[in-house]
Amino acid sequence: MAQRIEMQICLGSSCFSRGNKDVVMFIREYLSKNHLDDKVIFKGARCMGHCSNGPNLNINGVIIEDVALLKIESILEKEFARLI
């Protein structure tokens, strides 16, 4: 079996207040729509320490900052292009 991708989204108060609730919902729908549920471990995380640059997303140890709803689809497409 191929190695699974680990993805965490910051659910700290700063990131959450900047719209991470909508981003979380979008990511869940994206993973399901593209049949990636079994290839990606997606979970929430406590503060990542980059509050002023949030919302933050960690994909396999790489932190992506300023993850807004308008940007998330292109971020996911870039990260998961080889899996789709």
PDB file of N, CA and C in Angstrom:
ATOM      1  N   MET A   1       0.845  -1.203   0.000  1.00  0.00           N
ATOM      2  CA  MET A   1       0.000   0.000   0.000  1.00  0.00           C
ATOM      3  C   MET A   1       0.875   1.246   0.000  1.00  0.00           C
ATOM      4  N   ALA A   2       0.498   2.226  -0.769  1.00  0.00           N
ATOM      5  CA  ALA A   2       1.251   3.471  -0.845  1.00  0.00           C
ATOM      6  C   ALA A   2       1.180   4.220   0.491  1.00  0.00           C
ATOM      7  N   GLN A   3       2.207   4.989   0.742  1.00  0.00           N
ATOM      8  CA  GLN A   3       2.242   5.766   1.978  1.00  0.00           C
ATOM      9  C   GLN A   3       1.139   6.818   1.973  1.00  0.00           C
ATOM     10  N   ARG A   4       0.508   6.960   3.121  1.00  0.00           N
ATOM     11  CA  ARG A   4      -0.575   7.938   3.225  1.00  0.00           C
ATOM     12  C   ARG A   4      -0.014   9.315   3.544  1.00  0.00           C
ATOM     13  N   ILE A   5      -0.703  10.319   3.071  1.00  0.00           N
ATOM     14  CA  ILE A   5      -0.322  11.703   3.315  1.00  0.00           C
ATOM     15  C   ILE A   5      -0.987  12.160   4.603  1.00  0.00           C
ATOM     16  N   GLU A   6      -0.216  12.814   5.457  1.00  0.00           N
ATOM     17  CA  GLU A   6      -0.774  13.363   6.685  1.00  0.00           C
ATOM     18  C   GLU A   6      -0.977  14.856   6.508  1.00  0.00           C
ATOM     19  N   MET A   7      -2.183  15.293   6.801  1.00  0.00           N
ATOM     20  CA  MET A   7      -2.521  16.703   6.655  1.00  0.00           C
ATOM     21  C   MET A   7      -3.231  17.158   7.922  1.00  0.00           C
ATOM     22  N   GLN A   8      -2.718  18.242   8.504  1.00  0.00           N
ATOM     23  CA  GLN A   8      -3.320  18.814   9.701  1.00  0.00           C
ATOM     24  C   GLN A   8      -3.650  20.272   9.446  1.00  0.00           C
ATOM     25  N   ILE A   9      -4.800  20.674   9.940  1.00  0.00           N
ATOM     26  CA  ILE A   9      -5.189  22.075   9.837  1.00  0.00           C
ATOM     27  C   ILE A   9      -5.235  22.656  11.238  1.00  0.00           C
ATOM     28  N   CYS A  10      -4.698  23.841  11.387  1.00  0.00           N
ATOM     29  CA  CYS A  10      -4.672  24.485  12.694  1.00  0.00           C
ATOM     30  C   CYS A  10      -6.084  24.883  13.103  1.00  0.00           C
ATOM     31  N   LEU A  11      -6.442  24.486  14.318  1.00  0.00           N
ATOM     32  CA  LEU A  11      -7.746  24.853  14.854  1.00  0.00           C
ATOM     33  C   LEU A  11      -7.592  25.783  16.057  1.00  0.00           C
ATOM     34  N   GLY A  12      -6.420  26.414  16.153  1.00  0.00           N
ATOM     35  CA  GLY A  12      -6.209  27.413  17.198  1.00  0.00           C
ATOM     36  C   GLY A  12      -7.159  28.577  16.998  1.00  0.00           C
ATOM     37  N   SER A  13      -7.386  29.337  18.041  1.00  0.00           N
ATOM     38  CA  SER A  13      -8.401  30.394  17.983  1.00  0.00           C
ATOM     39  C   SER A  13      -8.133  31.428  16.895  1.00  0.00           C
ATOM     40  N   SER A  14      -6.875  31.790  16.674  1.00  0.00           N
ATOM     41  CA  SER A  14      -6.561  32.796  15.658  1.00  0.00           C
ATOM     42  C   SER A  14      -6.900  32.281  14.254  1.00  0.00           C
ATOM     43  N   CYS A  15      -6.450  31.074  13.934  1.00  0.00           N
ATOM     44  CA  CYS A  15      -6.739  30.505  12.613  1.00  0.00           C
ATOM     45  C   CYS A  15      -8.232  30.240  12.448  1.00  0.00           C
ATOM     46  N   PHE A  16      -8.858  29.754  13.513  1.00  0.00           N
ATOM     47  CA  PHE A  16     -10.282  29.447  13.440  1.00  0.00           C
ATOM     48  C   PHE A  16     -11.091  30.713  13.180  1.00  0.00           C
ATOM     49  N   SER A  17     -10.698  31.819  13.841  1.00  0.00           N
ATOM     50  CA  SER A  17     -11.428  33.079  13.657  1.00  0.00           C
ATOM     51  C   SER A  17     -11.204  33.675  12.268  1.00  0.00           C
ATOM     52  N   ARG A  18     -10.178  33.221  11.578  1.00  0.00           N
ATOM     53  CA  ARG A  18      -9.892  33.705  10.221  1.00  0.00           C
ATOM     54  C   ARG A  18     -10.520  32.820   9.140  1.00  0.00           C
ATOM     55  N   GLY A  19     -11.398  31.916   9.543  1.00  0.00           N
ATOM     56  CA  GLY A  19     -12.157  31.180   8.543  1.00  0.00           C
ATOM     57  C   GLY A  19     -11.808  29.723   8.344  1.00  0.00           C
ATOM     58  N   ASN A  20     -11.071  29.124   9.258  1.00  0.00           N
ATOM     59  CA  ASN A  20     -10.702  27.730   9.065  1.00  0.00           C
ATOM     60  C   ASN A  20     -11.883  26.770   9.091  1.00  0.00           C
ATOM     61  N   LYS A  21     -12.987  27.157   9.698  1.00  0.00           N
ATOM     62  CA  LYS A  21     -14.162  26.267   9.710  1.00  0.00           C
ATOM     63  C   LYS A  21     -14.606  25.971   8.280  1.00  0.00           C
ATOM     64  N   ASP A  22     -14.699  26.998   7.445  1.00  0.00           N
ATOM     65  CA  ASP A  22     -15.095  26.811   6.051  1.00  0.00           C
ATOM     66  C   ASP A  22     -14.038  26.045   5.265  1.00  0.00           C
ATOM     67  N   VAL A  23     -12.766  26.283   5.573  1.00  0.00           N
ATOM     68  CA  VAL A  23     -11.676  25.582   4.894  1.00  0.00           C
ATOM     69  C   VAL A  23     -11.725  24.094   5.242  1.00  0.00           C
ATOM     70  N   VAL A  24     -11.970  23.773   6.504  1.00  0.00           N
ATOM     71  CA  VAL A  24     -12.085  22.368   6.929  1.00  0.00           C
ATOM     72  C   VAL A  24     -13.201  21.676   6.152  1.00  0.00           C
ATOM     73  N   MET A  25     -14.347  22.323   6.053  1.00  0.00           N
ATOM     74  CA  MET A  25     -15.479  21.735   5.321  1.00  0.00           C
ATOM     75  C   MET A  25     -15.127  21.528   3.849  1.00  0.00           C
ATOM     76  N   PHE A  26     -14.441  22.501   3.250  1.00  0.00           N
ATOM     77  CA  PHE A  26     -14.055  22.384   1.845  1.00  0.00           C
ATOM     78  C   PHE A  26     -13.094  21.212   1.653  1.00  0.00           C
ATOM     79  N   ILE A  27     -12.097  21.087   2.542  1.00  0.00           N
ATOM     80  CA  ILE A  27     -11.110  20.008   2.426  1.00  0.00           C
ATOM     81  C   ILE A  27     -11.798  18.648   2.535  1.00  0.00           C
ATOM     82  N   ARG A  28     -12.686  18.503   3.492  1.00  0.00           N
ATOM     83  CA  ARG A  28     -13.405  17.222   3.644  1.00  0.00           C
ATOM     84  C   ARG A  28     -14.164  16.869   2.371  1.00  0.00           C
ATOM     85  N   GLU A  29     -14.861  17.845   1.802  1.00  0.00           N
ATOM     86  CA  GLU A  29     -15.606  17.608   0.567  1.00  0.00           C
ATOM     87  C   GLU A  29     -14.665  17.282  -0.595  1.00  0.00           C
ATOM     88  N   TYR A  30     -13.537  17.994  -0.681  1.00  0.00           N
ATOM     89  CA  TYR A  30     -12.563  17.773  -1.739  1.00  0.00           C
ATOM     90  C   TYR A  30     -11.998  16.351  -1.673  1.00  0.00           C
ATOM     91  N   LEU A  31     -11.621  15.923  -0.472  1.00  0.00           N
ATOM     92  CA  LEU A  31     -11.062  14.581  -0.306  1.00  0.00           C
ATOM     93  C   LEU A  31     -12.071  13.515  -0.707  1.00  0.00           C
ATOM     94  N   SER A  32     -13.308  13.712  -0.305  1.00  0.00           N
ATOM     95  CA  SER A  32     -14.363  12.750  -0.638  1.00  0.00           C
ATOM     96  C   SER A  32     -14.645  12.732  -2.141  1.00  0.00           C
ATOM     97  N   LYS A  33     -14.796  13.913  -2.726  1.00  0.00           N
ATOM     98  CA  LYS A  33     -15.121  14.038  -4.154  1.00  0.00           C
ATOM     99  C   LYS A  33     -14.039  13.413  -5.037  1.00  0.00           C
ATOM    100  N   ASN A  34     -12.776  13.499  -4.589  1.00  0.00           N
ATOM    101  CA  ASN A  34     -11.658  12.988  -5.375  1.00  0.00           C
ATOM    102  C   ASN A  34     -11.182  11.612  -4.907  1.00  0.00           C
ATOM    103  N   HIS A  35     -11.979  10.962  -4.067  1.00  0.00           N
ATOM    104  CA  HIS A  35     -11.689   9.611  -3.580  1.00  0.00           C
ATOM    105  C   HIS A  35     -10.312   9.515  -2.921  1.00  0.00           C
ATOM    106  N   LEU A  36      -9.997  10.498  -2.091  1.00  0.00           N
ATOM    107  CA  LEU A  36      -8.709  10.548  -1.409  1.00  0.00           C
ATOM    108  C   LEU A  36      -8.811  10.203   0.080  1.00  0.00           C
ATOM    109  N   ASP A  37     -10.002   9.860   0.534  1.00  0.00           N
ATOM    110  CA  ASP A  37     -10.199   9.586   1.962  1.00  0.00           C
ATOM    111  C   ASP A  37      -9.267   8.498   2.487  1.00  0.00           C
ATOM    112  N   ASP A  38      -8.978   7.499   1.658  1.00  0.00           N
ATOM    113  CA  ASP A  38      -8.121   6.407   2.100  1.00  0.00           C
ATOM    114  C   ASP A  38      -6.633   6.697   1.890  1.00  0.00           C
ATOM    115  N   LYS A  39      -6.298   7.809   1.251  1.00  0.00           N
ATOM    116  CA  LYS A  39      -4.906   8.151   0.972  1.00  0.00           C
ATOM    117  C   LYS A  39      -4.398   9.312   1.832  1.00  0.00           C
ATOM    118  N   VAL A  40      -5.330  10.040   2.436  1.00  0.00           N
ATOM    119  CA  VAL A  40      -4.965  11.237   3.206  1.00  0.00           C
ATOM    120  C   VAL A  40      -5.529  11.127   4.622  1.00  0.00           C
ATOM    121  N   ILE A  41      -4.665  11.281   5.597  1.00  0.00           N
ATOM    122  CA  ILE A  41      -5.095  11.359   6.991  1.00  0.00           C
ATOM    123  C   ILE A  41      -5.269  12.838   7.283  1.00  0.00           C
ATOM    124  N   PHE A  42      -6.503  13.263   7.485  1.00  0.00           N
ATOM    125  CA  PHE A  42      -6.810  14.679   7.708  1.00  0.00           C
ATOM    126  C   PHE A  42      -7.355  14.862   9.111  1.00  0.00           C
ATOM    127  N   LYS A  43      -6.685  15.738   9.876  1.00  0.00           N
ATOM    128  CA  LYS A  43      -7.143  15.991  11.241  1.00  0.00           C
ATOM    129  C   LYS A  43      -6.802  17.411  11.663  1.00  0.00           C
ATOM    130  N   GLY A  44      -7.439  17.827  12.716  1.00  0.00           N
ATOM    131  CA  GLY A  44      -7.173  19.138  13.274  1.00  0.00           C
ATOM    132  C   GLY A  44      -5.942  19.105  14.153  1.00  0.00           C
ATOM    133  N   ALA A  45      -5.362  20.270  14.374  1.00  0.00           N
ATOM    134  CA  ALA A  45      -4.171  20.383  15.214  1.00  0.00           C
ATOM    135  C   ALA A  45      -4.311  21.608  16.109  1.00  0.00           C
ATOM    136  N   ARG A  46      -3.586  21.567  17.193  1.00  0.00           N
ATOM    137  CA  ARG A  46      -3.521  22.751  18.045  1.00  0.00           C
ATOM    138  C   ARG A  46      -2.650  23.787  17.357  1.00  0.00           C
ATOM    139  N   CYS A  47      -2.485  24.901  17.977  1.00  0.00           N
ATOM    140  CA  CYS A  47      -1.728  26.010  17.406  1.00  0.00           C
ATOM    141  C   CYS A  47      -0.386  25.549  16.835  1.00  0.00           C
ATOM    142  N   MET A  48      -0.069  26.015  15.651  1.00  0.00           N
ATOM    143  CA  MET A  48       1.185  25.686  14.981  1.00  0.00           C
ATOM    144  C   MET A  48       2.252  26.761  15.200  1.00  0.00           C
ATOM    145  N   GLY A  49       1.886  27.828  15.908  1.00  0.00           N
ATOM    146  CA  GLY A  49       2.859  28.864  16.230  1.00  0.00           C
ATOM    147  C   GLY A  49       3.091  29.898  15.137  1.00  0.00           C
ATOM    148  N   HIS A  50       2.261  29.905  14.130  1.00  0.00           N
ATOM    149  CA  HIS A  50       2.388  30.877  13.038  1.00  0.00           C
ATOM    150  C   HIS A  50       1.119  31.723  12.967  1.00  0.00           C
ATOM    151  N   CYS A  51       0.626  32.118  14.126  1.00  0.00           N
ATOM    152  CA  CYS A  51      -0.697  32.745  14.241  1.00  0.00           C
ATOM    153  C   CYS A  51      -0.879  33.962  13.343  1.00  0.00           C
ATOM    154  N   SER A  52       0.122  34.813  13.247  1.00  0.00           N
ATOM    155  CA  SER A  52      -0.033  36.043  12.469  1.00  0.00           C
ATOM    156  C   SER A  52      -0.092  35.777  10.968  1.00  0.00           C
ATOM    157  N   ASN A  53       0.272  34.558  10.551  1.00  0.00           N
ATOM    158  CA  ASN A  53       0.258  34.206   9.128  1.00  0.00           C
ATOM    159  C   ASN A  53      -0.813  33.178   8.785  1.00  0.00           C
ATOM    160  N   GLY A  54      -1.705  32.902   9.721  1.00  0.00           N
ATOM    161  CA  GLY A  54      -2.711  31.865   9.531  1.00  0.00           C
ATOM    162  C   GLY A  54      -3.852  32.314   8.643  1.00  0.00           C
ATOM    163  N   PRO A  55      -4.729  31.421   8.367  1.00  0.00           N
ATOM    164  CA  PRO A  55      -4.816  30.029   8.783  1.00  0.00           C
ATOM    165  C   PRO A  55      -3.689  29.175   8.189  1.00  0.00           C
ATOM    166  N   ASN A  56      -3.314  28.132   8.944  1.00  0.00           N
ATOM    167  CA  ASN A  56      -2.178  27.292   8.573  1.00  0.00           C
ATOM    168  C   ASN A  56      -2.596  25.849   8.329  1.00  0.00           C
ATOM    169  N   LEU A  57      -1.893  25.230   7.392  1.00  0.00           N
ATOM    170  CA  LEU A  57      -2.123  23.844   7.020  1.00  0.00           C
ATOM    171  C   LEU A  57      -0.763  23.158   6.973  1.00  0.00           C
ATOM    172  N   ASN A  58      -0.679  21.960   7.541  1.00  0.00           N
ATOM    173  CA  ASN A  58       0.555  21.195   7.554  1.00  0.00           C
ATOM    174  C   ASN A  58       0.330  19.945   6.708  1.00  0.00           C
ATOM    175  N   ILE A  59       1.110  19.809   5.643  1.00  0.00           N
ATOM    176  CA  ILE A  59       1.017  18.630   4.788  1.00  0.00           C
ATOM    177  C   ILE A  59       2.362  17.918   4.823  1.00  0.00           C
ATOM    178  N   ASN A  60       2.378  16.743   5.441  1.00  0.00           N
ATOM    179  CA  ASN A  60       3.606  15.953   5.591  1.00  0.00           C
ATOM    180  C   ASN A  60       4.764  16.774   6.143  1.00  0.00           C
ATOM    181  N   GLY A  61       4.487  17.596   7.153  1.00  0.00           N
ATOM    182  CA  GLY A  61       5.534  18.350   7.830  1.00  0.00           C
ATOM    183  C   GLY A  61       5.842  19.713   7.232  1.00  0.00           C
ATOM    184  N   VAL A  62       5.216  20.058   6.126  1.00  0.00           N
ATOM    185  CA  VAL A  62       5.436  21.362   5.492  1.00  0.00           C
ATOM    186  C   VAL A  62       4.253  22.260   5.831  1.00  0.00           C
ATOM    187  N   ILE A  63       4.532  23.388   6.471  1.00  0.00           N
ATOM    188  CA  ILE A  63       3.464  24.306   6.862  1.00  0.00           C
ATOM    189  C   ILE A  63       3.179  25.284   5.724  1.00  0.00           C
ATOM    190  N   ILE A  64       1.923  25.356   5.346  1.00  0.00           N
ATOM    191  CA  ILE A  64       1.460  26.304   4.331  1.00  0.00           C
ATOM    192  C   ILE A  64       0.650  27.353   5.074  1.00  0.00           C
ATOM    193  N   GLU A  65       1.037  28.614   4.931  1.00  0.00           N
ATOM    194  CA  GLU A  65       0.391  29.702   5.660  1.00  0.00           C
ATOM    195  C   GLU A  65      -0.646  30.411   4.799  1.00  0.00           C
ATOM    196  N   ASP A  66      -1.483  31.191   5.452  1.00  0.00           N
ATOM    197  CA  ASP A  66      -2.499  32.012   4.789  1.00  0.00           C
ATOM    198  C   ASP A  66      -3.409  31.173   3.887  1.00  0.00           C
ATOM    199  N   VAL A  67      -3.912  30.074   4.446  1.00  0.00           N
ATOM    200  CA  VAL A  67      -4.770  29.155   3.710  1.00  0.00           C
ATOM    201  C   VAL A  67      -6.207  29.661   3.791  1.00  0.00           C
ATOM    202  N   ALA A  68      -6.607  30.415   2.796  1.00  0.00           N
ATOM    203  CA  ALA A  68      -7.956  30.974   2.744  1.00  0.00           C
ATOM    204  C   ALA A  68      -8.821  30.117   1.840  1.00  0.00           C
ATOM    205  N   LEU A  69     -10.117  30.265   1.976  1.00  0.00           N
ATOM    206  CA  LEU A  69     -11.062  29.497   1.172  1.00  0.00           C
ATOM    207  C   LEU A  69     -10.824  29.714  -0.326  1.00  0.00           C
ATOM    208  N   LEU A  70     -10.439  30.925  -0.711  1.00  0.00           N
ATOM    209  CA  LEU A  70     -10.190  31.219  -2.128  1.00  0.00           C
ATOM    210  C   LEU A  70      -8.942  30.526  -2.670  1.00  0.00           C
ATOM    211  N   LYS A  71      -8.024  30.130  -1.781  1.00  0.00           N
ATOM    212  CA  LYS A  71      -6.755  29.533  -2.209  1.00  0.00           C
ATOM    213  C   LYS A  71      -6.697  28.030  -2.036  1.00  0.00           C
ATOM    214  N   ILE A  72      -7.568  27.468  -1.206  1.00  0.00           N
ATOM    215  CA  ILE A  72      -7.396  26.075  -0.795  1.00  0.00           C
ATOM    216  C   ILE A  72      -7.504  25.079  -1.943  1.00  0.00           C
ATOM    217  N   GLU A  73      -8.394  25.298  -2.889  1.00  0.00           N
ATOM    218  CA  GLU A  73      -8.526  24.334  -3.980  1.00  0.00           C
ATOM    219  C   GLU A  73      -7.237  24.225  -4.794  1.00  0.00           C
ATOM    220  N   SER A  74      -6.614  25.341  -5.119  1.00  0.00           N
ATOM    221  CA  SER A  74      -5.371  25.282  -5.896  1.00  0.00           C
ATOM    222  C   SER A  74      -4.239  24.658  -5.075  1.00  0.00           C
ATOM    223  N   ILE A  75      -4.230  24.888  -3.773  1.00  0.00           N
ATOM    224  CA  ILE A  75      -3.221  24.259  -2.905  1.00  0.00           C
ATOM    225  C   ILE A  75      -3.396  22.746  -2.926  1.00  0.00           C
ATOM    226  N   LEU A  76      -4.619  22.282  -2.764  1.00  0.00           N
ATOM    227  CA  LEU A  76      -4.884  20.840  -2.753  1.00  0.00           C
ATOM    228  C   LEU A  76      -4.590  20.205  -4.100  1.00  0.00           C
ATOM    229  N   GLU A  77      -4.974  20.878  -5.177  1.00  0.00           N
ATOM    230  CA  GLU A  77      -4.703  20.329  -6.507  1.00  0.00           C
ATOM    231  C   GLU A  77      -3.206  20.175  -6.748  1.00  0.00           C
ATOM    232  N   LYS A  78      -2.440  21.135  -6.309  1.00  0.00           N
ATOM    233  CA  LYS A  78      -0.980  21.059  -6.459  1.00  0.00           C
ATOM    234  C   LYS A  78      -0.411  19.918  -5.624  1.00  0.00           C
ATOM    235  N   GLU A  79      -0.856  19.802  -4.381  1.00  0.00           N
ATOM    236  CA  GLU A  79      -0.322  18.787  -3.475  1.00  0.00           C
ATOM    237  C   GLU A  79      -0.728  17.373  -3.859  1.00  0.00           C
ATOM    238  N   PHE A  80      -1.945  17.194  -4.374  1.00  0.00           N
ATOM    239  CA  PHE A  80      -2.470  15.866  -4.613  1.00  0.00           C
ATOM    240  C   PHE A  80      -2.550  15.492  -6.077  1.00  0.00           C
ATOM    241  N   ALA A  81      -1.947  16.268  -6.959  1.00  0.00           N
ATOM    242  CA  ALA A  81      -2.038  16.012  -8.408  1.00  0.00           C
ATOM    243  C   ALA A  81      -1.617  14.577  -8.758  1.00  0.00           C
ATOM    244  N   ARG A  82      -0.614  14.062  -8.096  1.00  0.00           N
ATOM    245  CA  ARG A  82      -0.138  12.724  -8.421  1.00  0.00           C
ATOM    246  C   ARG A  82      -1.048  11.613  -7.907  1.00  0.00           C
ATOM    247  N   LEU A  83      -1.973  11.968  -6.999  1.00  0.00           N
ATOM    248  CA  LEU A  83      -2.864  10.966  -6.425  1.00  0.00           C
ATOM    249  C   LEU A  83      -4.207  10.879  -7.131  1.00  0.00           C
ATOM    250  N   ILE A  84      -4.555  11.943  -7.846  1.00  0.00           N
ATOM    251  CA  ILE A  84      -5.897  11.989  -8.469  1.00  0.00           C
ATOM    252  C   ILE A  84      -5.848  11.332  -9.838  1.00  0.00           C
TER     253      ILE A  84
END
